[in-house]
Amino acid sequence: MILEVAVLDVIPSETNSFERDFTSACRIISSMKGYQGHQLQRCLEISSRYLLLVNWDTLEDHTVGFRQSPQYQEWKSLLHKYYDPFPRVEHYEMVLSVKG
């Protein structure tokens, strides 16, 4: 499993619209091959900053399967207008997991 991590800095006056459109965009990403689930979290210190965490089966499911799909164009048209600056996206793999 691969974890996609994106810090989303949203234009402060657009957070309500972003959250509304993100809810619509969920159906797009959740329909993609290799998608396992996602979370969108809002920062407590900077209320216009969000953390998007997406679990994928493989790196290519995100970078090729999603990013090079027609569905990504719909995702992009819904969400990319809200970002300033454009998000940095990184991918992680599990090294250690401990549950209490």
PDB file of N, CA and C in Angstrom:
ATOM      1  N   MET A   1       0.844  -1.186   0.000  1.00  0.00           N
ATOM      2  CA  MET A   1       0.000   0.000   0.000  1.00  0.00           C
ATOM      3  C   MET A   1       0.882   1.240   0.000  1.00  0.00           C
ATOM      4  N   ILE A   2       0.451   2.253  -0.715  1.00  0.00           N
ATOM      5  CA  ILE A   2       1.137   3.538  -0.813  1.00  0.00           C
ATOM      6  C   ILE A   2       0.229   4.609  -0.225  1.00  0.00           C
ATOM      7  N   LEU A   3       0.823   5.525   0.537  1.00  0.00           N
ATOM      8  CA  LEU A   3       0.083   6.657   1.091  1.00  0.00           C
ATOM      9  C   LEU A   3       0.475   7.910   0.335  1.00  0.00           C
ATOM     10  N   GLU A   4      -0.484   8.532  -0.319  1.00  0.00           N
ATOM     11  CA  GLU A   4      -0.299   9.836  -0.960  1.00  0.00           C
ATOM     12  C   GLU A   4      -0.585  10.896   0.091  1.00  0.00           C
ATOM     13  N   VAL A   5       0.317  11.859   0.223  1.00  0.00           N
ATOM     14  CA  VAL A   5       0.166  12.940   1.189  1.00  0.00           C
ATOM     15  C   VAL A   5       0.253  14.260   0.438  1.00  0.00           C
ATOM     16  N   ALA A   6      -0.773  15.091   0.578  1.00  0.00           N
ATOM     17  CA  ALA A   6      -0.785  16.405  -0.061  1.00  0.00           C
ATOM     18  C   ALA A   6      -1.216  17.451   0.960  1.00  0.00           C
ATOM     19  N   VAL A   7      -0.405  18.494   1.098  1.00  0.00           N
ATOM     20  CA  VAL A   7      -0.775  19.635   1.922  1.00  0.00           C
ATOM     21  C   VAL A   7      -1.445  20.631   0.989  1.00  0.00           C
ATOM     22  N   LEU A   8      -2.712  20.936   1.274  1.00  0.00           N
ATOM     23  CA  LEU A   8      -3.525  21.792   0.412  1.00  0.00           C
ATOM     24  C   LEU A   8      -3.724  23.139   1.088  1.00  0.00           C
ATOM     25  N   ASP A   9      -3.102  24.162   0.556  1.00  0.00           N
ATOM     26  CA  ASP A   9      -3.334  25.521   1.035  1.00  0.00           C
ATOM     27  C   ASP A   9      -4.404  26.141   0.156  1.00  0.00           C
ATOM     28  N   VAL A  10      -5.551  26.363   0.756  1.00  0.00           N
ATOM     29  CA  VAL A  10      -6.727  26.867   0.047  1.00  0.00           C
ATOM     30  C   VAL A  10      -6.831  28.365   0.268  1.00  0.00           C
ATOM     31  N   ILE A  11      -7.269  29.080  -0.747  1.00  0.00           N
ATOM     32  CA  ILE A  11      -7.508  30.520  -0.610  1.00  0.00           C
ATOM     33  C   ILE A  11      -8.477  30.702   0.562  1.00  0.00           C
ATOM     34  N   PRO A  12      -8.082  31.478   1.582  1.00  0.00           N
ATOM     35  CA  PRO A  12      -8.882  31.549   2.822  1.00  0.00           C
ATOM     36  C   PRO A  12     -10.365  31.861   2.619  1.00  0.00           C
ATOM     37  N   SER A  13     -10.701  32.712   1.704  1.00  0.00           N
ATOM     38  CA  SER A  13     -12.108  33.062   1.495  1.00  0.00           C
ATOM     39  C   SER A  13     -12.890  31.975   0.762  1.00  0.00           C
ATOM     40  N   GLU A  14     -12.213  30.911   0.322  1.00  0.00           N
ATOM     41  CA  GLU A  14     -12.849  29.872  -0.487  1.00  0.00           C
ATOM     42  C   GLU A  14     -12.991  28.523   0.229  1.00  0.00           C
ATOM     43  N   THR A  15     -12.734  28.469   1.531  1.00  0.00           N
ATOM     44  CA  THR A  15     -12.736  27.169   2.213  1.00  0.00           C
ATOM     45  C   THR A  15     -14.097  26.466   2.170  1.00  0.00           C
ATOM     46  N   ASN A  16     -15.176  27.209   2.336  1.00  0.00           N
ATOM     47  CA  ASN A  16     -16.503  26.577   2.292  1.00  0.00           C
ATOM     48  C   ASN A  16     -16.791  25.990   0.914  1.00  0.00           C
ATOM     49  N   SER A  17     -16.465  26.737  -0.125  1.00  0.00           N
ATOM     50  CA  SER A  17     -16.671  26.246  -1.492  1.00  0.00           C
ATOM     51  C   SER A  17     -15.762  25.056  -1.781  1.00  0.00           C
ATOM     52  N   PHE A  18     -14.519  25.126  -1.304  1.00  0.00           N
ATOM     53  CA  PHE A  18     -13.592  24.009  -1.482  1.00  0.00           C
ATOM     54  C   PHE A  18     -14.151  22.741  -0.834  1.00  0.00           C
ATOM     55  N   GLU A  19     -14.608  22.837   0.401  1.00  0.00           N
ATOM     56  CA  GLU A  19     -15.137  21.653   1.089  1.00  0.00           C
ATOM     57  C   GLU A  19     -16.363  21.094   0.371  1.00  0.00           C
ATOM     58  N   ARG A  20     -17.212  21.952  -0.133  1.00  0.00           N
ATOM     59  CA  ARG A  20     -18.389  21.506  -0.897  1.00  0.00           C
ATOM     60  C   ARG A  20     -17.949  20.760  -2.155  1.00  0.00           C
ATOM     61  N   ASP A  21     -17.017  21.363  -2.912  1.00  0.00           N
ATOM     62  CA  ASP A  21     -16.578  20.738  -4.155  1.00  0.00           C
ATOM     63  C   ASP A  21     -15.738  19.490  -3.899  1.00  0.00           C
ATOM     64  N   PHE A  22     -15.013  19.475  -2.785  1.00  0.00           N
ATOM     65  CA  PHE A  22     -14.255  18.273  -2.453  1.00  0.00           C
ATOM     66  C   PHE A  22     -15.195  17.104  -2.196  1.00  0.00           C
ATOM     67  N   THR A  23     -16.304  17.356  -1.549  1.00  0.00           N
ATOM     68  CA  THR A  23     -17.300  16.310  -1.312  1.00  0.00           C
ATOM     69  C   THR A  23     -17.775  15.730  -2.646  1.00  0.00           C
ATOM     70  N   SER A  24     -17.995  16.582  -3.632  1.00  0.00           N
ATOM     71  CA  SER A  24     -18.375  16.105  -4.971  1.00  0.00           C
ATOM     72  C   SER A  24     -17.242  15.320  -5.624  1.00  0.00           C
ATOM     73  N   ALA A  25     -16.004  15.767  -5.412  1.00  0.00           N
ATOM     74  CA  ALA A  25     -14.844  15.119  -6.030  1.00  0.00           C
ATOM     75  C   ALA A  25     -14.572  13.734  -5.439  1.00  0.00           C
ATOM     76  N   CYS A  26     -15.089  13.458  -4.260  1.00  0.00           N
ATOM     77  CA  CYS A  26     -14.866  12.146  -3.630  1.00  0.00           C
ATOM     78  C   CYS A  26     -15.342  11.007  -4.511  1.00  0.00           C
ATOM     79  N   ARG A  27     -16.437  11.187  -5.209  1.00  0.00           N
ATOM     80  CA  ARG A  27     -16.958  10.118  -6.057  1.00  0.00           C
ATOM     81  C   ARG A  27     -15.993   9.808  -7.200  1.00  0.00           C
ATOM     82  N   ILE A  28     -15.240  10.827  -7.629  1.00  0.00           N
ATOM     83  CA  ILE A  28     -14.288  10.630  -8.727  1.00  0.00           C
ATOM     84  C   ILE A  28     -13.135   9.747  -8.269  1.00  0.00           C
ATOM     85  N   ILE A  29     -12.463  10.166  -7.204  1.00  0.00           N
ATOM     86  CA  ILE A  29     -11.280   9.435  -6.765  1.00  0.00           C
ATOM     87  C   ILE A  29     -11.635   8.045  -6.260  1.00  0.00           C
ATOM     88  N   SER A  30     -12.774   7.913  -5.610  1.00  0.00           N
ATOM     89  CA  SER A  30     -13.143   6.613  -5.043  1.00  0.00           C
ATOM     90  C   SER A  30     -13.498   5.585  -6.108  1.00  0.00           C
ATOM     91  N   SER A  31     -13.696   6.020  -7.334  1.00  0.00           N
ATOM     92  CA  SER A  31     -14.024   5.091  -8.421  1.00  0.00           C
ATOM     93  C   SER A  31     -12.779   4.567  -9.146  1.00  0.00           C
ATOM     94  N   MET A  32     -11.599   5.046  -8.767  1.00  0.00           N
ATOM     95  CA  MET A  32     -10.381   4.715  -9.501  1.00  0.00           C
ATOM     96  C   MET A  32      -9.794   3.369  -9.080  1.00  0.00           C
ATOM     97  N   LYS A  33      -9.185   2.688 -10.036  1.00  0.00           N
ATOM     98  CA  LYS A  33      -8.506   1.419  -9.770  1.00  0.00           C
ATOM     99  C   LYS A  33      -7.389   1.650  -8.753  1.00  0.00           C
ATOM    100  N   GLY A  34      -7.302   0.783  -7.776  1.00  0.00           N
ATOM    101  CA  GLY A  34      -6.243   0.862  -6.777  1.00  0.00           C
ATOM    102  C   GLY A  34      -6.534   1.765  -5.598  1.00  0.00           C
ATOM    103  N   TYR A  35      -7.630   2.509  -5.660  1.00  0.00           N
ATOM    104  CA  TYR A  35      -8.017   3.392  -4.550  1.00  0.00           C
ATOM    105  C   TYR A  35      -8.456   2.550  -3.366  1.00  0.00           C
ATOM    106  N   GLN A  36      -7.949   2.877  -2.160  1.00  0.00           N
ATOM    107  CA  GLN A  36      -8.331   2.148  -0.951  1.00  0.00           C
ATOM    108  C   GLN A  36      -9.107   2.999   0.054  1.00  0.00           C
ATOM    109  N   GLY A  37      -8.965   4.307  -0.014  1.00  0.00           N
ATOM    110  CA  GLY A  37      -9.660   5.184   0.924  1.00  0.00           C
ATOM    111  C   GLY A  37      -8.892   6.485   1.079  1.00  0.00           C
ATOM    112  N   HIS A  38      -9.554   7.480   1.674  1.00  0.00           N
ATOM    113  CA  HIS A  38      -8.874   8.766   1.875  1.00  0.00           C
ATOM    114  C   HIS A  38      -9.436   9.489   3.092  1.00  0.00           C
ATOM    115  N   GLN A  39      -8.666  10.490   3.520  1.00  0.00           N
ATOM    116  CA  GLN A  39      -9.082  11.402   4.590  1.00  0.00           C
ATOM    117  C   GLN A  39      -8.734  12.817   4.148  1.00  0.00           C
ATOM    118  N   LEU A  40      -9.582  13.750   4.501  1.00  0.00           N
ATOM    119  CA  LEU A  40      -9.278  15.168   4.359  1.00  0.00           C
ATOM    120  C   LEU A  40      -9.364  15.753   5.760  1.00  0.00           C
ATOM    121  N   GLN A  41      -8.264  16.344   6.217  1.00  0.00           N
ATOM    122  CA  GLN A  41      -8.219  16.925   7.557  1.00  0.00           C
ATOM    123  C   GLN A  41      -7.882  18.405   7.455  1.00  0.00           C
ATOM    124  N   ARG A  42      -8.502  19.200   8.332  1.00  0.00           N
ATOM    125  CA  ARG A  42      -8.242  20.641   8.363  1.00  0.00           C
ATOM    126  C   ARG A  42      -7.268  20.949   9.490  1.00  0.00           C
ATOM    127  N   CYS A  43      -6.321  21.827   9.208  1.00  0.00           N
ATOM    128  CA  CYS A  43      -5.323  22.248  10.185  1.00  0.00           C
ATOM    129  C   CYS A  43      -5.972  23.128  11.260  1.00  0.00           C
ATOM    130  N   LEU A  44      -5.619  22.891  12.504  1.00  0.00           N
ATOM    131  CA  LEU A  44      -6.156  23.698  13.601  1.00  0.00           C
ATOM    132  C   LEU A  44      -5.472  25.061  13.694  1.00  0.00           C
ATOM    133  N   GLU A  45      -4.199  25.128  13.359  1.00  0.00           N
ATOM    134  CA  GLU A  45      -3.468  26.393  13.462  1.00  0.00           C
ATOM    135  C   GLU A  45      -3.694  27.313  12.266  1.00  0.00           C
ATOM    136  N   ILE A  46      -3.850  26.730  11.084  1.00  0.00           N
ATOM    137  CA  ILE A  46      -4.081  27.514   9.860  1.00  0.00           C
ATOM    138  C   ILE A  46      -5.351  26.959   9.217  1.00  0.00           C
ATOM    139  N   SER A  47      -6.474  27.623   9.433  1.00  0.00           N
ATOM    140  CA  SER A  47      -7.778  27.045   9.079  1.00  0.00           C
ATOM    141  C   SER A  47      -8.010  26.892   7.578  1.00  0.00           C
ATOM    142  N   SER A  48      -7.168  27.465   6.748  1.00  0.00           N
ATOM    143  CA  SER A  48      -7.322  27.301   5.302  1.00  0.00           C
ATOM    144  C   SER A  48      -6.351  26.249   4.750  1.00  0.00           C
ATOM    145  N   ARG A  49      -5.679  25.517   5.638  1.00  0.00           N
ATOM    146  CA  ARG A  49      -4.756  24.449   5.225  1.00  0.00           C
ATOM    147  C   ARG A  49      -5.399  23.099   5.534  1.00  0.00           C
ATOM    148  N   TYR A  50      -5.289  22.206   4.559  1.00  0.00           N
ATOM    149  CA  TYR A  50      -5.849  20.862   4.676  1.00  0.00           C
ATOM    150  C   TYR A  50      -4.763  19.835   4.392  1.00  0.00           C
ATOM    151  N   LEU A  51      -4.962  18.662   4.935  1.00  0.00           N
ATOM    152  CA  LEU A  51      -4.090  17.538   4.664  1.00  0.00           C
ATOM    153  C   LEU A  51      -4.937  16.459   4.001  1.00  0.00           C
ATOM    154  N   LEU A  52      -4.535  16.080   2.798  1.00  0.00           N
ATOM    155  CA  LEU A  52      -5.223  15.014   2.070  1.00  0.00           C
ATOM    156  C   LEU A  52      -4.348  13.762   2.132  1.00  0.00           C
ATOM    157  N   LEU A  53      -4.914  12.693   2.639  1.00  0.00           N
ATOM    158  CA  LEU A  53      -4.238  11.400   2.740  1.00  0.00           C
ATOM    159  C   LEU A  53      -5.031  10.390   1.925  1.00  0.00           C
ATOM    160  N   VAL A  54      -4.387   9.790   0.932  1.00  0.00           N
ATOM    161  CA  VAL A  54      -5.072   8.821   0.074  1.00  0.00           C
ATOM    162  C   VAL A  54      -4.261   7.528   0.071  1.00  0.00           C
ATOM    163  N   ASN A  55      -4.929   6.423   0.308  1.00  0.00           N
ATOM    164  CA  ASN A  55      -4.291   5.109   0.233  1.00  0.00           C
ATOM    165  C   ASN A  55      -4.539   4.488  -1.136  1.00  0.00           C
ATOM    166  N   TRP A  56      -3.444   4.055  -1.776  1.00  0.00           N
ATOM    167  CA  TRP A  56      -3.478   3.427  -3.089  1.00  0.00           C
ATOM    168  C   TRP A  56      -2.810   2.054  -3.002  1.00  0.00           C
ATOM    169  N   ASP A  57      -3.214   1.147  -3.863  1.00  0.00           N
ATOM    170  CA  ASP A  57      -2.547  -0.157  -3.938  1.00  0.00           C
ATOM    171  C   ASP A  57      -1.090   0.008  -4.359  1.00  0.00           C
ATOM    172  N   THR A  58      -0.862   0.815  -5.408  1.00  0.00           N
ATOM    173  CA  THR A  58       0.489   1.013  -5.938  1.00  0.00           C
ATOM    174  C   THR A  58       0.697   2.493  -6.268  1.00  0.00           C
ATOM    175  N   LEU A  59       1.942   2.889  -6.377  1.00  0.00           N
ATOM    176  CA  LEU A  59       2.274   4.256  -6.792  1.00  0.00           C
ATOM    177  C   LEU A  59       1.678   4.556  -8.165  1.00  0.00           C
ATOM    178  N   GLU A  60       1.762   3.604  -9.068  1.00  0.00           N
ATOM    179  CA  GLU A  60       1.266   3.802 -10.433  1.00  0.00           C
ATOM    180  C   GLU A  60      -0.246   3.974 -10.484  1.00  0.00           C
ATOM    181  N   ASP A  61      -0.967   3.385  -9.535  1.00  0.00           N
ATOM    182  CA  ASP A  61      -2.418   3.602  -9.501  1.00  0.00           C
ATOM    183  C   ASP A  61      -2.731   5.085  -9.357  1.00  0.00           C
ATOM    184  N   HIS A  62      -1.886   5.809  -8.623  1.00  0.00           N
ATOM    185  CA  HIS A  62      -2.087   7.249  -8.483  1.00  0.00           C
ATOM    186  C   HIS A  62      -1.459   8.023  -9.631  1.00  0.00           C
ATOM    187  N   THR A  63      -0.157   7.803  -9.857  1.00  0.00           N
ATOM    188  CA  THR A  63       0.586   8.653 -10.793  1.00  0.00           C
ATOM    189  C   THR A  63       0.230   8.418 -12.251  1.00  0.00           C
ATOM    190  N   VAL A  64      -0.172   7.209 -12.591  1.00  0.00           N
ATOM    191  CA  VAL A  64      -0.539   6.895 -13.975  1.00  0.00           C
ATOM    192  C   VAL A  64      -2.052   6.706 -14.092  1.00  0.00           C
ATOM    193  N   GLY A  65      -2.585   5.742 -13.334  1.00  0.00           N
ATOM    194  CA  GLY A  65      -4.006   5.406 -13.448  1.00  0.00           C
ATOM    195  C   GLY A  65      -4.944   6.564 -13.182  1.00  0.00           C
ATOM    196  N   PHE A  66      -4.678   7.328 -12.118  1.00  0.00           N
ATOM    197  CA  PHE A  66      -5.534   8.471 -11.801  1.00  0.00           C
ATOM    198  C   PHE A  66      -5.092   9.731 -12.537  1.00  0.00           C
ATOM    199  N   ARG A  67      -3.839  10.099 -12.387  1.00  0.00           N
ATOM    200  CA  ARG A  67      -3.362  11.371 -12.939  1.00  0.00           C
ATOM    201  C   ARG A  67      -3.449  11.460 -14.457  1.00  0.00           C
ATOM    202  N   GLN A  68      -3.436  10.336 -15.141  1.00  0.00           N
ATOM    203  CA  GLN A  68      -3.493  10.364 -16.605  1.00  0.00           C
ATOM    204  C   GLN A  68      -4.867   9.960 -17.141  1.00  0.00           C
ATOM    205  N   SER A  69      -5.868   9.997 -16.263  1.00  0.00           N
ATOM    206  CA  SER A  69      -7.221   9.583 -16.654  1.00  0.00           C
ATOM    207  C   SER A  69      -8.099  10.787 -16.993  1.00  0.00           C
ATOM    208  N   PRO A  70      -9.161  10.559 -17.757  1.00  0.00           N
ATOM    209  CA  PRO A  70     -10.147  11.616 -17.988  1.00  0.00           C
ATOM    210  C   PRO A  70     -10.798  12.087 -16.681  1.00  0.00           C
ATOM    211  N   GLN A  71     -10.942  11.184 -15.715  1.00  0.00           N
ATOM    212  CA  GLN A  71     -11.542  11.546 -14.436  1.00  0.00           C
ATOM    213  C   GLN A  71     -10.703  12.582 -13.700  1.00  0.00           C
ATOM    214  N   TYR A  72      -9.384  12.517 -13.882  1.00  0.00           N
ATOM    215  CA  TYR A  72      -8.507  13.500 -13.237  1.00  0.00           C
ATOM    216  C   TYR A  72      -8.801  14.902 -13.754  1.00  0.00           C
ATOM    217  N   GLN A  73      -9.164  15.039 -15.012  1.00  0.00           N
ATOM    218  CA  GLN A  73      -9.497  16.353 -15.559  1.00  0.00           C
ATOM    219  C   GLN A  73     -10.727  16.940 -14.859  1.00  0.00           C
ATOM    220  N   GLU A  74     -11.682  16.084 -14.533  1.00  0.00           N
ATOM    221  CA  GLU A  74     -12.866  16.536 -13.797  1.00  0.00           C
ATOM    222  C   GLU A  74     -12.477  16.942 -12.365  1.00  0.00           C
ATOM    223  N   TRP A  75     -11.637  16.120 -11.707  1.00  0.00           N
ATOM    224  CA  TRP A  75     -11.107  16.421 -10.373  1.00  0.00           C
ATOM    225  C   TRP A  75     -10.400  17.773 -10.394  1.00  0.00           C
ATOM    226  N   LYS A  76      -9.557  17.946 -11.387  1.00  0.00           N
ATOM    227  CA  LYS A  76      -8.771  19.181 -11.541  1.00  0.00           C
ATOM    228  C   LYS A  76      -9.689  20.395 -11.709  1.00  0.00           C
ATOM    229  N   SER A  77     -10.710  20.272 -12.540  1.00  0.00           N
ATOM    230  CA  SER A  77     -11.604  21.419 -12.767  1.00  0.00           C
ATOM    231  C   SER A  77     -12.414  21.764 -11.523  1.00  0.00           C
ATOM    232  N   LEU A  78     -12.701  20.771 -10.688  1.00  0.00           N
ATOM    233  CA  LEU A  78     -13.432  21.030  -9.447  1.00  0.00           C
ATOM    234  C   LEU A  78     -12.555  21.684  -8.375  1.00  0.00           C
ATOM    235  N   LEU A  79     -11.288  21.278  -8.264  1.00  0.00           N
ATOM    236  CA  LEU A  79     -10.505  21.620  -7.077  1.00  0.00           C
ATOM    237  C   LEU A  79      -9.301  22.527  -7.287  1.00  0.00           C
ATOM    238  N   HIS A  80      -8.647  22.468  -8.416  1.00  0.00           N
ATOM    239  CA  HIS A  80      -7.371  23.169  -8.558  1.00  0.00           C
ATOM    240  C   HIS A  80      -7.485  24.690  -8.471  1.00  0.00           C
ATOM    241  N   LYS A  81      -8.634  25.232  -8.705  1.00  0.00           N
ATOM    242  CA  LYS A  81      -8.825  26.690  -8.622  1.00  0.00           C
ATOM    243  C   LYS A  81      -8.719  27.212  -7.188  1.00  0.00           C
ATOM    244  N   TYR A  82      -8.792  26.333  -6.201  1.00  0.00           N
ATOM    245  CA  TYR A  82      -8.781  26.751  -4.799  1.00  0.00           C
ATOM    246  C   TYR A  82      -7.388  26.843  -4.193  1.00  0.00           C
ATOM    247  N   TYR A  83      -6.373  26.292  -4.848  1.00  0.00           N
ATOM    248  CA  TYR A  83      -5.054  26.171  -4.226  1.00  0.00           C
ATOM    249  C   TYR A  83      -4.163  27.386  -4.484  1.00  0.00           C
ATOM    250  N   ASP A  84      -3.509  27.838  -3.417  1.00  0.00           N
ATOM    251  CA  ASP A  84      -2.512  28.904  -3.532  1.00  0.00           C
ATOM    252  C   ASP A  84      -1.536  28.780  -2.367  1.00  0.00           C
ATOM    253  N   PRO A  85      -0.354  28.226  -2.612  1.00  0.00           N
ATOM    254  CA  PRO A  85       0.200  27.749  -3.885  1.00  0.00           C
ATOM    255  C   PRO A  85      -0.309  26.350  -4.213  1.00  0.00           C
ATOM    256  N   PHE A  86       0.108  25.863  -5.393  1.00  0.00           N
ATOM    257  CA  PHE A  86      -0.284  24.515  -5.796  1.00  0.00           C
ATOM    258  C   PHE A  86       0.340  23.500  -4.844  1.00  0.00           C
ATOM    259  N   PRO A  87      -0.410  22.460  -4.474  1.00  0.00           N
ATOM    260  CA  PRO A  87       0.067  21.494  -3.478  1.00  0.00           C
ATOM    261  C   PRO A  87       1.302  20.710  -3.911  1.00  0.00           C
ATOM    262  N   ARG A  88       2.103  20.390  -2.926  1.00  0.00           N
ATOM    263  CA  ARG A  88       3.201  19.451  -3.103  1.00  0.00           C
ATOM    264  C   ARG A  88       2.663  18.089  -2.690  1.00  0.00           C
ATOM    265  N   VAL A  89       2.841  17.109  -3.553  1.00  0.00           N
ATOM    266  CA  VAL A  89       2.325  15.761  -3.296  1.00  0.00           C
ATOM    267  C   VAL A  89       3.509  14.810  -3.157  1.00  0.00           C
ATOM    268  N   GLU A  90       3.477  14.008  -2.100  1.00  0.00           N
ATOM    269  CA  GLU A  90       4.514  13.011  -1.869  1.00  0.00           C
ATOM    270  C   GLU A  90       3.861  11.662  -1.594  1.00  0.00           C
ATOM    271  N   HIS A  91       4.649  10.604  -1.767  1.00  0.00           N
ATOM    272  CA  HIS A  91       4.150   9.244  -1.576  1.00  0.00           C
ATOM    273  C   HIS A  91       5.019   8.527  -0.553  1.00  0.00           C
ATOM    274  N   TYR A  92       4.381   7.746   0.315  1.00  0.00           N
ATOM    275  CA  TYR A  92       5.061   7.070   1.408  1.00  0.00           C
ATOM    276  C   TYR A  92       4.685   5.597   1.435  1.00  0.00           C
ATOM    277  N   GLU A  93       5.606   4.787   1.972  1.00  0.00           N
ATOM    278  CA  GLU A  93       5.315   3.392   2.205  1.00  0.00           C
ATOM    279  C   GLU A  93       5.537   3.089   3.680  1.00  0.00           C
ATOM    280  N   MET A  94       4.813   2.129   4.209  1.00  0.00           N
ATOM    281  CA  MET A  94       4.855   1.787   5.620  1.00  0.00           C
ATOM    282  C   MET A  94       6.216   1.219   6.002  1.00  0.00           C
ATOM    283  N   VAL A  95       6.753   1.722   7.086  1.00  0.00           N
ATOM    284  CA  VAL A  95       7.969   1.170   7.667  1.00  0.00           C
ATOM    285  C   VAL A  95       7.628   0.470   8.980  1.00  0.00           C
ATOM    286  N   LEU A  96       6.786   1.094   9.786  1.00  0.00           N
ATOM    287  CA  LEU A  96       6.420   0.567  11.085  1.00  0.00           C
ATOM    288  C   LEU A  96       5.039   1.064  11.457  1.00  0.00           C
ATOM    289  N   SER A  97       4.242   0.207  12.041  1.00  0.00           N
ATOM    290  CA  SER A  97       2.910   0.582  12.518  1.00  0.00           C
ATOM    291  C   SER A  97       2.728   0.026  13.922  1.00  0.00           C
ATOM    292  N   VAL A  98       2.386   0.883  14.867  1.00  0.00           N
ATOM    293  CA  VAL A  98       2.172   0.471  16.251  1.00  0.00           C
ATOM    294  C   VAL A  98       0.811   0.989  16.675  1.00  0.00           C
ATOM    295  N   LYS A  99       0.004   0.125  17.241  1.00  0.00           N
ATOM    296  CA  LYS A  99      -1.313   0.545  17.742  1.00  0.00           C
ATOM    297  C   LYS A  99      -1.363   0.307  19.242  1.00  0.00           C
ATOM    298  N   GLY A 100      -1.962   1.272  19.949  1.00  0.00           N
ATOM    299  CA  GLY A 100      -2.008   1.179  21.406  1.00  0.00           C
ATOM    300  C   GLY A 100      -3.244   0.546  21.933  1.00  0.00           C
TER     301      GLY A 100
END
